[in-house]
Each structure stands twice: as C-alpha cells, then as structure tokens.
Amino acid sequence: MELYLLRHTPVENPKNLCYGQWDMPLKVGYEDQLKDLKNHFSTLQGFITYTSESGRTKELAWALGIKDTYQDHRLNELNFGHWEGKPWNEIPEKELQKWMINYYYHPVPGGESYKELENRVIAFLKELVEKNRDTMDPVLLISHAGPIRCILSYFLTINPYKIMNWKIPEGQFWRVNLNENLKACIYPISLFQPWFNSPNGKKSRFKPS
C-alpha cells in the first residue's frame, strides 16, 4: 500500500494568530507552490484522497485538480480551544507554559491534548489501512502538521515528547510504503531517498533538524 501525506500550503496569518481548527485562508500566491505538487501528482492514477474538514485542505485539493475527496474530522488539526483565533502574544504565559510542559496529556483550555489528537488520528489510520491494505490504489491524505506527526511517529514508534521538534513544512509531502506486515518505509517525496526506515518495527536513528 502506498500512502501519501501532504500538509497544506502556507496560510494568511499576518497577526500571528493561534489556529488549529480555526479556519485560515491559504496564502495568496500559493498557486506557484502547486506547480511542483501537480507534476508529482500527475503520475498518480486512481488515487483515493482524504482531507480534513478544514477549508484550507479542501481548497488545496481543489486547486490540485482533485474533485472527488472524502472529508474526515479525525484528520483535523489539534483543537486549541479557547486559544483559537487569538494572537499568540495574548495567550496567558502561565497557561501556555502549563500546556507545553505536558502537552501530551494536558489539554489546551477548552481544547484537546496531544494524546486525544493522536487517538483519533490513529483510529482513522488503522481503519484506512485495513480497508486498503490489499489494493494497489495509492491514498493521499491532505492534512495538518499535528496529524502528520501522529502518523509518522506511529509507524516509527517515536517518543511523542520528541514530536514537537520535527519540522513539518507547509506544502511538503511524504510517501509511506507499507509492506504486507505493515512495516513502513517513509520518503520525503522531493528527494526519493529513504527518510525513515522501520523494516523491523524498530526506532529510527533520525535526528530532527
């Protein structure tokens, strides 16, 4: 099974707002970034596409010429609760520090913990893999940094407290090749060089840059 993970392109955010499930428009000029993406995706025939419920992922799918998509709320970004739509510099420092110390288990006020995000994303992933494990059709997920981190760390059994150090660039995408035992080999699509390998289900020696 081939699984492709794509983070949406940059958004318009001149006021440096906190946004997770808060809908933000894609940045003007993002069409230029789509040229390379379209070149890659033009080689994929009959792939199945899922997006989050966010307008920015659905807009990107449409701009890529993908008309038939499935939306799933489990691919939504972390719910930042009471912080959604607020400038980061207006979020109380004590609240922010309390969350950062133990973000895996501690939810954002009125929102989610990373563990809750992980639970829903991995539930979706397991369901998806079971449904498509015997098919040759590639699957494309257009989502956000949080869900993509969850999927990569799940396949690679990486400590969740190291996840926030991973850079998930906007507009970057990855190819995940799953063998019959559901062991993953993961590539950054632009290089087609192995980024992570987990043929034995062991931890990678990858060090985030």
N, C-alpha and C. Protein backbone atom coordinates (compact mmCIF):
# COMPACT_ATOMS: atom_id res chain seq x y z
N MET A 1 0.85 -1.20 0.00
CA MET A 1 0.00 0.00 0.00
C MET A 1 0.88 1.24 0.00
N GLU A 2 0.53 2.21 -0.83
CA GLU A 2 1.22 3.49 -0.86
C GLU A 2 0.33 4.57 -0.26
N LEU A 3 0.88 5.26 0.73
CA LEU A 3 0.16 6.32 1.42
C LEU A 3 0.96 7.61 1.27
N TYR A 4 0.29 8.68 0.84
CA TYR A 4 0.94 9.98 0.69
C TYR A 4 0.37 10.95 1.72
N LEU A 5 1.26 11.67 2.39
CA LEU A 5 0.87 12.63 3.42
C LEU A 5 1.26 14.02 2.94
N LEU A 6 0.31 14.91 2.86
CA LEU A 6 0.55 16.27 2.38
C LEU A 6 0.03 17.29 3.38
N ARG A 7 0.92 18.18 3.81
CA ARG A 7 0.46 19.30 4.63
C ARG A 7 0.05 20.44 3.71
N HIS A 8 -0.99 21.14 4.09
CA HIS A 8 -1.46 22.27 3.28
C HIS A 8 -0.34 23.31 3.11
N THR A 9 -0.45 24.14 2.10
CA THR A 9 0.50 25.22 1.85
C THR A 9 0.29 26.34 2.87
N PRO A 10 1.20 27.35 2.92
CA PRO A 10 1.10 28.40 3.94
C PRO A 10 -0.24 29.14 3.93
N VAL A 11 -0.59 29.65 5.10
CA VAL A 11 -1.85 30.38 5.26
C VAL A 11 -1.58 31.87 5.46
N GLU A 12 -2.62 32.68 5.24
CA GLU A 12 -2.54 34.11 5.53
C GLU A 12 -2.70 34.31 7.04
N ASN A 13 -1.64 34.76 7.70
CA ASN A 13 -1.69 34.91 9.15
C ASN A 13 -0.81 36.08 9.59
N PRO A 14 -1.11 37.30 9.11
CA PRO A 14 -0.25 38.44 9.43
C PRO A 14 -0.25 38.82 10.91
N LYS A 15 -1.28 38.44 11.65
CA LYS A 15 -1.37 38.80 13.07
C LYS A 15 -0.84 37.70 13.98
N ASN A 16 -0.24 36.66 13.38
CA ASN A 16 0.33 35.56 14.16
C ASN A 16 -0.71 34.98 15.13
N LEU A 17 -1.85 34.60 14.58
CA LEU A 17 -2.92 34.03 15.38
C LEU A 17 -2.64 32.56 15.67
N CYS A 18 -3.13 32.10 16.81
CA CYS A 18 -3.13 30.67 17.12
C CYS A 18 -4.27 30.04 16.33
N TYR A 19 -3.94 29.07 15.54
CA TYR A 19 -5.00 28.41 14.77
C TYR A 19 -4.71 26.92 14.71
N GLY A 20 -5.75 26.16 14.94
CA GLY A 20 -5.70 24.71 14.80
C GLY A 20 -6.89 24.34 13.94
N GLN A 21 -8.05 24.34 14.57
CA GLN A 21 -9.29 24.11 13.84
C GLN A 21 -9.94 25.43 13.41
N TRP A 22 -9.35 26.54 13.80
CA TRP A 22 -9.77 27.86 13.32
C TRP A 22 -9.42 27.93 11.84
N ASP A 23 -10.40 28.25 11.00
CA ASP A 23 -10.15 28.20 9.57
C ASP A 23 -9.39 29.43 9.11
N MET A 24 -8.33 29.20 8.39
CA MET A 24 -7.48 30.26 7.85
C MET A 24 -7.34 30.06 6.34
N PRO A 25 -7.42 31.14 5.57
CA PRO A 25 -7.29 31.00 4.11
C PRO A 25 -5.84 30.72 3.70
N LEU A 26 -5.67 30.04 2.60
CA LEU A 26 -4.32 29.82 2.08
C LEU A 26 -3.72 31.15 1.62
N LYS A 27 -2.42 31.25 1.78
CA LYS A 27 -1.72 32.48 1.45
C LYS A 27 -1.80 32.78 -0.05
N VAL A 28 -1.99 34.04 -0.38
CA VAL A 28 -2.04 34.46 -1.77
C VAL A 28 -0.72 34.09 -2.46
N GLY A 29 -0.82 33.52 -3.64
CA GLY A 29 0.37 33.10 -4.37
C GLY A 29 0.73 31.65 -4.16
N TYR A 30 -0.08 30.93 -3.36
CA TYR A 30 0.21 29.53 -3.11
C TYR A 30 0.15 28.70 -4.40
N GLU A 31 -0.53 29.26 -5.41
CA GLU A 31 -0.63 28.52 -6.68
C GLU A 31 0.74 28.21 -7.27
N ASP A 32 1.71 29.10 -7.03
CA ASP A 32 3.06 28.86 -7.56
C ASP A 32 3.67 27.60 -6.95
N GLN A 33 3.36 27.37 -5.68
CA GLN A 33 3.90 26.20 -5.00
C GLN A 33 3.25 24.91 -5.51
N LEU A 34 2.08 25.06 -6.13
CA LEU A 34 1.36 23.88 -6.59
C LEU A 34 1.97 23.28 -7.86
N LYS A 35 2.79 24.04 -8.57
CA LYS A 35 3.31 23.55 -9.84
C LYS A 35 4.08 22.25 -9.65
N ASP A 36 4.98 22.24 -8.65
CA ASP A 36 5.76 21.02 -8.40
C ASP A 36 4.87 19.91 -7.88
N LEU A 37 3.91 20.27 -7.02
CA LEU A 37 3.00 19.25 -6.49
C LEU A 37 2.20 18.61 -7.61
N LYS A 38 1.71 19.44 -8.53
CA LYS A 38 0.92 18.92 -9.64
C LYS A 38 1.75 17.99 -10.52
N ASN A 39 3.02 18.33 -10.70
CA ASN A 39 3.90 17.48 -11.50
C ASN A 39 4.02 16.08 -10.89
N HIS A 40 4.13 16.03 -9.57
CA HIS A 40 4.23 14.73 -8.90
C HIS A 40 2.90 13.99 -8.97
N PHE A 41 1.83 14.68 -8.67
CA PHE A 41 0.54 14.00 -8.59
C PHE A 41 -0.03 13.65 -9.96
N SER A 42 0.51 14.23 -11.00
CA SER A 42 0.03 13.87 -12.34
C SER A 42 0.41 12.44 -12.69
N THR A 43 1.37 11.86 -11.97
CA THR A 43 1.79 10.49 -12.24
C THR A 43 0.96 9.46 -11.47
N LEU A 44 0.10 9.94 -10.58
CA LEU A 44 -0.72 9.03 -9.79
C LEU A 44 -2.07 8.84 -10.45
N GLN A 45 -2.39 7.61 -10.74
CA GLN A 45 -3.67 7.30 -11.38
C GLN A 45 -4.58 6.59 -10.38
N GLY A 46 -5.78 7.09 -10.27
CA GLY A 46 -6.78 6.42 -9.45
C GLY A 46 -6.52 6.45 -7.96
N PHE A 47 -5.85 7.50 -7.47
CA PHE A 47 -5.61 7.53 -6.03
C PHE A 47 -6.84 8.03 -5.28
N ILE A 48 -6.95 7.60 -4.04
CA ILE A 48 -8.07 7.95 -3.17
C ILE A 48 -7.62 9.08 -2.26
N THR A 49 -8.42 10.16 -2.18
CA THR A 49 -8.00 11.35 -1.43
C THR A 49 -8.92 11.63 -0.25
N TYR A 50 -8.28 11.85 0.90
CA TYR A 50 -8.99 12.28 2.11
C TYR A 50 -8.42 13.63 2.53
N THR A 51 -9.30 14.51 3.00
CA THR A 51 -8.86 15.77 3.60
C THR A 51 -9.47 15.88 4.99
N SER A 52 -8.97 16.85 5.74
CA SER A 52 -9.64 17.20 6.99
C SER A 52 -10.91 17.99 6.63
N GLU A 53 -11.62 18.43 7.64
CA GLU A 53 -12.81 19.27 7.40
C GLU A 53 -12.44 20.73 7.19
N SER A 54 -11.18 21.05 7.33
CA SER A 54 -10.72 22.44 7.22
C SER A 54 -10.82 22.94 5.78
N GLY A 55 -11.20 24.20 5.65
CA GLY A 55 -11.29 24.80 4.32
C GLY A 55 -9.96 24.84 3.60
N ARG A 56 -8.86 24.99 4.35
CA ARG A 56 -7.55 25.10 3.69
C ARG A 56 -7.10 23.79 3.06
N THR A 57 -7.50 22.66 3.61
CA THR A 57 -7.13 21.38 2.98
C THR A 57 -8.05 21.08 1.81
N LYS A 58 -9.32 21.43 1.93
CA LYS A 58 -10.25 21.20 0.82
C LYS A 58 -9.93 22.11 -0.36
N GLU A 59 -9.53 23.37 -0.04
CA GLU A 59 -9.16 24.30 -1.10
C GLU A 59 -7.93 23.80 -1.85
N LEU A 60 -6.96 23.25 -1.12
CA LEU A 60 -5.75 22.75 -1.75
C LEU A 60 -6.07 21.56 -2.67
N ALA A 61 -6.93 20.67 -2.20
CA ALA A 61 -7.32 19.53 -3.03
C ALA A 61 -7.95 20.00 -4.33
N TRP A 62 -8.82 20.98 -4.22
CA TRP A 62 -9.50 21.51 -5.41
C TRP A 62 -8.48 22.15 -6.35
N ALA A 63 -7.53 22.91 -5.79
CA ALA A 63 -6.52 23.57 -6.61
C ALA A 63 -5.61 22.57 -7.31
N LEU A 64 -5.44 21.39 -6.71
CA LEU A 64 -4.63 20.34 -7.33
C LEU A 64 -5.41 19.58 -8.40
N GLY A 65 -6.66 19.96 -8.58
CA GLY A 65 -7.48 19.30 -9.59
C GLY A 65 -8.15 18.04 -9.11
N ILE A 66 -8.18 17.86 -7.78
CA ILE A 66 -8.80 16.66 -7.20
C ILE A 66 -10.25 17.01 -6.86
N LYS A 67 -11.17 16.44 -7.60
CA LYS A 67 -12.58 16.79 -7.44
C LYS A 67 -13.31 15.89 -6.45
N ASP A 68 -12.92 14.63 -6.40
CA ASP A 68 -13.60 13.67 -5.53
C ASP A 68 -12.74 13.41 -4.31
N THR A 69 -13.20 13.89 -3.15
CA THR A 69 -12.47 13.69 -1.90
C THR A 69 -13.42 13.23 -0.81
N TYR A 70 -12.84 12.62 0.20
CA TYR A 70 -13.57 12.28 1.42
C TYR A 70 -13.06 13.19 2.53
N GLN A 71 -13.97 13.76 3.31
CA GLN A 71 -13.57 14.56 4.47
C GLN A 71 -13.76 13.73 5.74
N ASP A 72 -12.79 13.84 6.64
CA ASP A 72 -12.89 13.10 7.90
C ASP A 72 -12.41 14.01 9.03
N HIS A 73 -13.26 14.18 10.04
CA HIS A 73 -12.93 15.10 11.14
C HIS A 73 -11.70 14.64 11.92
N ARG A 74 -11.37 13.34 11.81
CA ARG A 74 -10.22 12.82 12.57
C ARG A 74 -8.89 13.31 12.00
N LEU A 75 -8.92 13.88 10.80
CA LEU A 75 -7.72 14.47 10.21
C LEU A 75 -7.58 15.95 10.52
N ASN A 76 -8.51 16.50 11.31
CA ASN A 76 -8.43 17.91 11.70
C ASN A 76 -7.21 18.15 12.58
N GLU A 77 -6.73 19.40 12.56
CA GLU A 77 -5.61 19.79 13.40
C GLU A 77 -6.04 19.76 14.87
N LEU A 78 -5.06 19.83 15.77
CA LEU A 78 -5.33 19.90 17.21
C LEU A 78 -6.31 21.03 17.50
N ASN A 79 -7.27 20.76 18.36
CA ASN A 79 -8.23 21.77 18.79
C ASN A 79 -7.58 22.61 19.90
N PHE A 80 -7.29 23.88 19.58
CA PHE A 80 -6.65 24.77 20.55
C PHE A 80 -7.66 25.50 21.44
N GLY A 81 -8.90 25.05 21.42
CA GLY A 81 -9.90 25.53 22.39
C GLY A 81 -10.02 27.03 22.49
N HIS A 82 -9.86 27.56 23.73
CA HIS A 82 -10.03 28.99 23.99
C HIS A 82 -8.94 29.83 23.34
N TRP A 83 -7.88 29.21 22.87
CA TRP A 83 -6.80 29.97 22.24
C TRP A 83 -7.05 30.21 20.76
N GLU A 84 -7.97 29.48 20.18
CA GLU A 84 -8.20 29.57 18.73
C GLU A 84 -8.53 31.02 18.32
N GLY A 85 -7.81 31.51 17.31
CA GLY A 85 -8.08 32.83 16.77
C GLY A 85 -7.47 33.97 17.55
N LYS A 86 -6.75 33.68 18.65
CA LYS A 86 -6.10 34.72 19.44
C LYS A 86 -4.65 34.88 19.02
N PRO A 87 -4.12 36.12 19.05
CA PRO A 87 -2.68 36.28 18.81
C PRO A 87 -1.90 35.51 19.88
N TRP A 88 -0.82 34.89 19.48
CA TRP A 88 -0.03 34.10 20.44
C TRP A 88 0.44 34.96 21.62
N ASN A 89 0.73 36.24 21.36
CA ASN A 89 1.24 37.08 22.45
C ASN A 89 0.15 37.52 23.42
N GLU A 90 -1.11 37.16 23.14
CA GLU A 90 -2.20 37.47 24.07
C GLU A 90 -2.61 36.25 24.90
N ILE A 91 -2.01 35.11 24.64
CA ILE A 91 -2.32 33.91 25.41
C ILE A 91 -1.54 33.97 26.71
N PRO A 92 -2.21 33.83 27.87
CA PRO A 92 -1.52 33.93 29.16
C PRO A 92 -0.31 33.00 29.23
N GLU A 93 0.82 33.55 29.65
CA GLU A 93 2.06 32.80 29.68
C GLU A 93 1.96 31.57 30.59
N LYS A 94 1.25 31.70 31.71
CA LYS A 94 1.12 30.56 32.63
C LYS A 94 0.36 29.41 31.98
N GLU A 95 -0.71 29.74 31.24
CA GLU A 95 -1.48 28.71 30.55
C GLU A 95 -0.62 28.01 29.50
N LEU A 96 0.14 28.81 28.76
CA LEU A 96 0.96 28.27 27.69
C LEU A 96 2.06 27.37 28.25
N GLN A 97 2.71 27.80 29.31
CA GLN A 97 3.78 27.00 29.91
C GLN A 97 3.25 25.71 30.51
N LYS A 98 2.09 25.79 31.14
CA LYS A 98 1.49 24.59 31.73
C LYS A 98 1.21 23.54 30.67
N TRP A 99 0.73 23.99 29.52
CA TRP A 99 0.45 23.07 28.43
C TRP A 99 1.73 22.52 27.82
N MET A 100 2.72 23.38 27.61
CA MET A 100 3.96 22.96 26.95
C MET A 100 4.72 21.93 27.78
N ILE A 101 4.64 22.02 29.09
CA ILE A 101 5.36 21.09 29.97
C ILE A 101 4.86 19.66 29.77
N ASN A 102 3.55 19.52 29.57
CA ASN A 102 2.99 18.17 29.45
C ASN A 102 1.88 18.15 28.41
N TYR A 103 2.20 18.61 27.19
CA TYR A 103 1.18 18.73 26.15
C TYR A 103 0.59 17.40 25.72
N TYR A 104 1.32 16.32 25.98
CA TYR A 104 0.82 15.01 25.54
C TYR A 104 -0.46 14.64 26.29
N TYR A 105 -0.48 14.89 27.58
CA TYR A 105 -1.65 14.53 28.39
C TYR A 105 -2.50 15.74 28.79
N HIS A 106 -1.91 16.90 28.82
CA HIS A 106 -2.62 18.09 29.32
C HIS A 106 -3.31 18.80 28.16
N PRO A 107 -4.65 18.90 28.18
CA PRO A 107 -5.34 19.57 27.08
C PRO A 107 -5.19 21.08 27.12
N VAL A 108 -5.24 21.69 25.95
CA VAL A 108 -5.36 23.14 25.87
C VAL A 108 -6.68 23.52 26.53
N PRO A 109 -6.75 24.64 27.26
CA PRO A 109 -8.02 25.05 27.88
C PRO A 109 -9.16 25.07 26.85
N GLY A 110 -10.16 24.22 27.10
CA GLY A 110 -11.30 24.15 26.19
C GLY A 110 -11.03 23.37 24.92
N GLY A 111 -9.85 22.74 24.83
CA GLY A 111 -9.48 22.04 23.62
C GLY A 111 -8.99 20.62 23.89
N GLU A 112 -7.98 20.19 23.13
CA GLU A 112 -7.50 18.82 23.19
C GLU A 112 -6.08 18.72 23.73
N SER A 113 -5.75 17.54 24.23
CA SER A 113 -4.35 17.19 24.49
C SER A 113 -3.80 16.53 23.22
N TYR A 114 -2.48 16.39 23.16
CA TYR A 114 -1.89 15.70 22.02
C TYR A 114 -2.33 14.24 22.00
N LYS A 115 -2.51 13.65 23.17
CA LYS A 115 -2.96 12.26 23.25
C LYS A 115 -4.32 12.09 22.61
N GLU A 116 -5.22 13.04 22.83
CA GLU A 116 -6.55 12.97 22.23
C GLU A 116 -6.46 13.11 20.71
N LEU A 117 -5.60 14.02 20.24
CA LEU A 117 -5.36 14.14 18.81
C LEU A 117 -4.84 12.82 18.25
N GLU A 118 -3.84 12.26 18.89
CA GLU A 118 -3.24 11.01 18.45
C GLU A 118 -4.26 9.88 18.38
N ASN A 119 -5.11 9.78 19.39
CA ASN A 119 -6.10 8.70 19.43
C ASN A 119 -7.02 8.74 18.22
N ARG A 120 -7.51 9.93 17.87
CA ARG A 120 -8.46 9.99 16.75
C ARG A 120 -7.75 9.80 15.41
N VAL A 121 -6.53 10.33 15.28
CA VAL A 121 -5.80 10.17 14.02
C VAL A 121 -5.43 8.71 13.79
N ILE A 122 -4.94 8.03 14.83
CA ILE A 122 -4.53 6.64 14.67
C ILE A 122 -5.73 5.73 14.47
N ALA A 123 -6.87 6.07 15.07
CA ALA A 123 -8.10 5.30 14.80
C ALA A 123 -8.46 5.39 13.33
N PHE A 124 -8.37 6.60 12.77
CA PHE A 124 -8.61 6.77 11.33
C PHE A 124 -7.60 5.98 10.51
N LEU A 125 -6.33 6.05 10.88
CA LEU A 125 -5.27 5.39 10.12
C LEU A 125 -5.46 3.87 10.09
N LYS A 126 -5.76 3.28 11.24
CA LYS A 126 -5.96 1.84 11.30
C LYS A 126 -7.14 1.41 10.44
N GLU A 127 -8.20 2.18 10.49
CA GLU A 127 -9.38 1.90 9.66
C GLU A 127 -9.04 2.00 8.19
N LEU A 128 -8.27 3.02 7.82
CA LEU A 128 -7.87 3.23 6.43
C LEU A 128 -6.99 2.09 5.93
N VAL A 129 -6.00 1.70 6.73
CA VAL A 129 -5.08 0.64 6.32
C VAL A 129 -5.82 -0.68 6.15
N GLU A 130 -6.71 -0.98 7.07
CA GLU A 130 -7.47 -2.23 6.98
C GLU A 130 -8.33 -2.26 5.71
N LYS A 131 -8.88 -1.12 5.38
CA LYS A 131 -9.76 -1.03 4.21
C LYS A 131 -8.99 -1.12 2.90
N ASN A 132 -7.73 -0.64 2.90
CA ASN A 132 -6.99 -0.52 1.64
C ASN A 132 -5.72 -1.36 1.57
N ARG A 133 -5.49 -2.24 2.52
CA ARG A 133 -4.22 -2.95 2.58
C ARG A 133 -3.97 -3.87 1.37
N ASP A 134 -5.04 -4.33 0.73
CA ASP A 134 -4.88 -5.24 -0.41
C ASP A 134 -5.05 -4.55 -1.76
N THR A 135 -5.20 -3.24 -1.75
CA THR A 135 -5.43 -2.53 -3.00
C THR A 135 -4.14 -1.91 -3.51
N MET A 136 -4.06 -1.71 -4.79
CA MET A 136 -2.90 -1.06 -5.40
C MET A 136 -3.12 0.44 -5.55
N ASP A 137 -4.32 0.91 -5.22
CA ASP A 137 -4.62 2.33 -5.36
C ASP A 137 -3.88 3.13 -4.29
N PRO A 138 -3.09 4.14 -4.69
CA PRO A 138 -2.45 4.99 -3.68
C PRO A 138 -3.48 5.85 -2.96
N VAL A 139 -3.18 6.19 -1.73
CA VAL A 139 -4.08 7.01 -0.90
C VAL A 139 -3.35 8.29 -0.53
N LEU A 140 -4.02 9.41 -0.72
CA LEU A 140 -3.48 10.73 -0.39
C LEU A 140 -4.26 11.32 0.77
N LEU A 141 -3.53 11.75 1.81
CA LEU A 141 -4.14 12.46 2.94
C LEU A 141 -3.64 13.90 2.93
N ILE A 142 -4.55 14.85 2.79
CA ILE A 142 -4.20 16.27 2.87
C ILE A 142 -4.63 16.75 4.25
N SER A 143 -3.65 17.08 5.08
CA SER A 143 -3.97 17.35 6.46
C SER A 143 -3.07 18.45 7.02
N HIS A 144 -2.69 18.31 8.29
CA HIS A 144 -2.01 19.36 9.04
C HIS A 144 -0.78 18.79 9.74
N ALA A 145 0.02 19.67 10.31
CA ALA A 145 1.26 19.24 10.95
C ALA A 145 1.02 18.24 12.07
N GLY A 146 0.02 18.51 12.94
CA GLY A 146 -0.24 17.62 14.07
C GLY A 146 -0.59 16.20 13.65
N PRO A 147 -1.62 16.02 12.81
CA PRO A 147 -1.97 14.67 12.36
C PRO A 147 -0.84 13.97 11.61
N ILE A 148 -0.07 14.71 10.80
CA ILE A 148 1.03 14.08 10.08
C ILE A 148 2.10 13.60 11.06
N ARG A 149 2.40 14.39 12.07
CA ARG A 149 3.34 13.94 13.11
C ARG A 149 2.85 12.66 13.77
N CYS A 150 1.56 12.61 14.06
CA CYS A 150 0.99 11.41 14.69
C CYS A 150 1.21 10.17 13.83
N ILE A 151 0.96 10.30 12.53
CA ILE A 151 1.08 9.15 11.63
C ILE A 151 2.53 8.71 11.50
N LEU A 152 3.44 9.66 11.31
CA LEU A 152 4.85 9.31 11.18
C LEU A 152 5.38 8.66 12.45
N SER A 153 5.02 9.23 13.59
CA SER A 153 5.53 8.68 14.86
C SER A 153 4.92 7.32 15.16
N TYR A 154 3.69 7.07 14.70
CA TYR A 154 3.06 5.77 14.90
C TYR A 154 3.82 4.67 14.16
N PHE A 155 4.14 4.93 12.90
CA PHE A 155 4.85 3.92 12.12
C PHE A 155 6.28 3.70 12.62
N LEU A 156 6.85 4.75 13.21
CA LEU A 156 8.26 4.68 13.61
C LEU A 156 8.47 4.48 15.10
N THR A 157 7.36 4.37 15.86
CA THR A 157 7.41 4.19 17.32
C THR A 157 8.34 5.21 17.98
N ILE A 158 8.14 6.47 17.64
CA ILE A 158 8.94 7.55 18.21
C ILE A 158 8.25 8.11 19.45
N ASN A 159 9.05 8.43 20.47
CA ASN A 159 8.55 9.03 21.70
C ASN A 159 7.75 10.30 21.39
N PRO A 160 6.51 10.40 21.84
CA PRO A 160 5.68 11.56 21.50
C PRO A 160 6.23 12.89 22.00
N TYR A 161 7.08 12.85 23.04
CA TYR A 161 7.63 14.10 23.56
C TYR A 161 8.74 14.66 22.67
N LYS A 162 9.15 13.89 21.67
CA LYS A 162 10.12 14.39 20.70
C LYS A 162 9.46 14.94 19.45
N ILE A 163 8.15 14.76 19.37
CA ILE A 163 7.43 15.09 18.14
C ILE A 163 7.48 16.57 17.81
N MET A 164 7.37 17.43 18.82
CA MET A 164 7.31 18.86 18.57
C MET A 164 8.60 19.40 17.95
N ASN A 165 9.68 18.63 18.02
CA ASN A 165 10.94 19.07 17.40
C ASN A 165 10.97 18.80 15.89
N TRP A 166 10.03 18.02 15.41
CA TRP A 166 10.01 17.68 13.99
C TRP A 166 9.47 18.85 13.18
N LYS A 167 10.15 19.13 12.10
CA LYS A 167 9.66 20.16 11.19
C LYS A 167 8.76 19.50 10.14
N ILE A 168 7.54 20.00 10.04
CA ILE A 168 6.59 19.51 9.04
C ILE A 168 6.28 20.72 8.14
N PRO A 169 7.09 20.97 7.12
CA PRO A 169 6.93 22.19 6.32
C PRO A 169 5.59 22.24 5.60
N GLU A 170 5.07 23.43 5.48
CA GLU A 170 3.83 23.62 4.73
C GLU A 170 4.08 23.33 3.25
N GLY A 171 3.22 22.52 2.65
CA GLY A 171 3.37 22.15 1.26
C GLY A 171 4.28 20.96 1.03
N GLN A 172 4.89 20.43 2.09
CA GLN A 172 5.76 19.24 1.97
C GLN A 172 4.90 17.98 2.01
N PHE A 173 5.33 16.95 1.28
CA PHE A 173 4.61 15.70 1.40
C PHE A 173 5.55 14.51 1.41
N TRP A 174 5.04 13.40 1.91
CA TRP A 174 5.81 12.20 2.16
C TRP A 174 5.11 10.99 1.55
N ARG A 175 5.91 10.03 1.14
CA ARG A 175 5.37 8.76 0.65
C ARG A 175 5.68 7.69 1.69
N VAL A 176 4.64 6.95 2.07
CA VAL A 176 4.78 5.86 3.03
C VAL A 176 4.48 4.55 2.31
N ASN A 177 5.48 3.69 2.19
CA ASN A 177 5.29 2.37 1.59
C ASN A 177 5.11 1.36 2.70
N LEU A 178 3.97 0.66 2.67
CA LEU A 178 3.69 -0.36 3.68
C LEU A 178 3.80 -1.74 3.05
N ASN A 179 4.58 -2.63 3.68
CA ASN A 179 4.65 -4.00 3.17
C ASN A 179 3.52 -4.84 3.73
N GLU A 180 3.52 -6.12 3.43
CA GLU A 180 2.41 -6.99 3.85
C GLU A 180 2.31 -7.12 5.36
N ASN A 181 3.41 -6.85 6.07
CA ASN A 181 3.40 -6.89 7.53
C ASN A 181 3.15 -5.52 8.14
N LEU A 182 2.81 -4.55 7.27
CA LEU A 182 2.50 -3.18 7.67
C LEU A 182 3.69 -2.47 8.30
N LYS A 183 4.91 -2.87 7.90
CA LYS A 183 6.11 -2.14 8.28
C LYS A 183 6.32 -1.04 7.24
N ALA A 184 6.79 0.10 7.69
CA ALA A 184 6.81 1.27 6.82
C ALA A 184 8.21 1.70 6.41
N CYS A 185 8.30 2.18 5.18
CA CYS A 185 9.47 2.89 4.69
C CYS A 185 8.96 4.25 4.23
N ILE A 186 9.53 5.33 4.76
CA ILE A 186 8.97 6.66 4.55
C ILE A 186 9.97 7.54 3.82
N TYR A 187 9.49 8.23 2.78
CA TYR A 187 10.34 9.06 1.94
C TYR A 187 9.78 10.48 1.87
N PRO A 188 10.68 11.50 1.92
CA PRO A 188 10.24 12.83 1.51
C PRO A 188 10.15 12.80 -0.01
N ILE A 189 9.03 13.15 -0.55
CA ILE A 189 8.75 12.89 -1.95
C ILE A 189 9.68 13.65 -2.89
N SER A 190 10.20 14.78 -2.46
CA SER A 190 11.03 15.59 -3.34
C SER A 190 12.40 14.98 -3.57
N LEU A 191 12.87 14.14 -2.65
CA LEU A 191 14.20 13.57 -2.76
C LEU A 191 14.20 12.11 -3.18
N PHE A 192 13.12 11.40 -2.86
CA PHE A 192 13.03 9.96 -3.10
C PHE A 192 14.24 9.21 -2.53
N GLN A 193 14.69 9.68 -1.38
CA GLN A 193 15.70 8.97 -0.61
C GLN A 193 15.06 8.57 0.71
N PRO A 194 15.38 7.39 1.24
CA PRO A 194 14.75 6.97 2.49
C PRO A 194 14.97 7.99 3.60
N TRP A 195 13.89 8.43 4.21
CA TRP A 195 13.97 9.37 5.31
C TRP A 195 13.98 8.60 6.62
N PHE A 196 13.00 7.70 6.76
CA PHE A 196 12.97 6.78 7.89
C PHE A 196 12.79 5.38 7.35
N ASN A 197 13.33 4.40 7.99
CA ASN A 197 13.07 3.01 7.67
C ASN A 197 12.71 2.27 8.93
N SER A 198 11.66 1.47 8.89
CA SER A 198 11.31 0.66 10.05
C SER A 198 10.98 -0.76 9.61
N PRO A 199 11.89 -1.43 8.89
CA PRO A 199 11.58 -2.78 8.40
C PRO A 199 11.34 -3.78 9.50
N ASN A 200 11.91 -3.52 10.69
CA ASN A 200 11.73 -4.43 11.81
C ASN A 200 10.86 -3.81 12.90
N GLY A 201 10.25 -2.67 12.59
CA GLY A 201 9.42 -2.01 13.58
C GLY A 201 10.23 -1.35 14.68
N LYS A 202 11.54 -1.14 14.45
CA LYS A 202 12.39 -0.54 15.47
C LYS A 202 12.48 0.96 15.28
N LYS A 203 12.95 1.64 16.33
CA LYS A 203 13.07 3.08 16.27
C LYS A 203 14.14 3.49 15.27
N SER A 204 13.87 4.62 14.58
CA SER A 204 14.85 5.18 13.67
C SER A 204 15.91 5.93 14.44
N ARG A 205 17.08 6.13 13.82
CA ARG A 205 18.12 6.96 14.40
C ARG A 205 18.01 8.39 13.92
N PHE A 206 16.91 8.72 13.30
CA PHE A 206 16.69 10.07 12.76
C PHE A 206 16.82 11.12 13.85
N LYS A 207 17.55 12.19 13.53
CA LYS A 207 17.66 13.32 14.43
C LYS A 207 17.02 14.52 13.75
N PRO A 208 16.01 15.15 14.35
CA PRO A 208 15.33 16.26 13.70
C PRO A 208 16.27 17.44 13.51
N SER A 209 16.10 18.12 12.38
CA SER A 209 16.95 19.29 12.11
C SER A 209 16.22 20.57 12.46
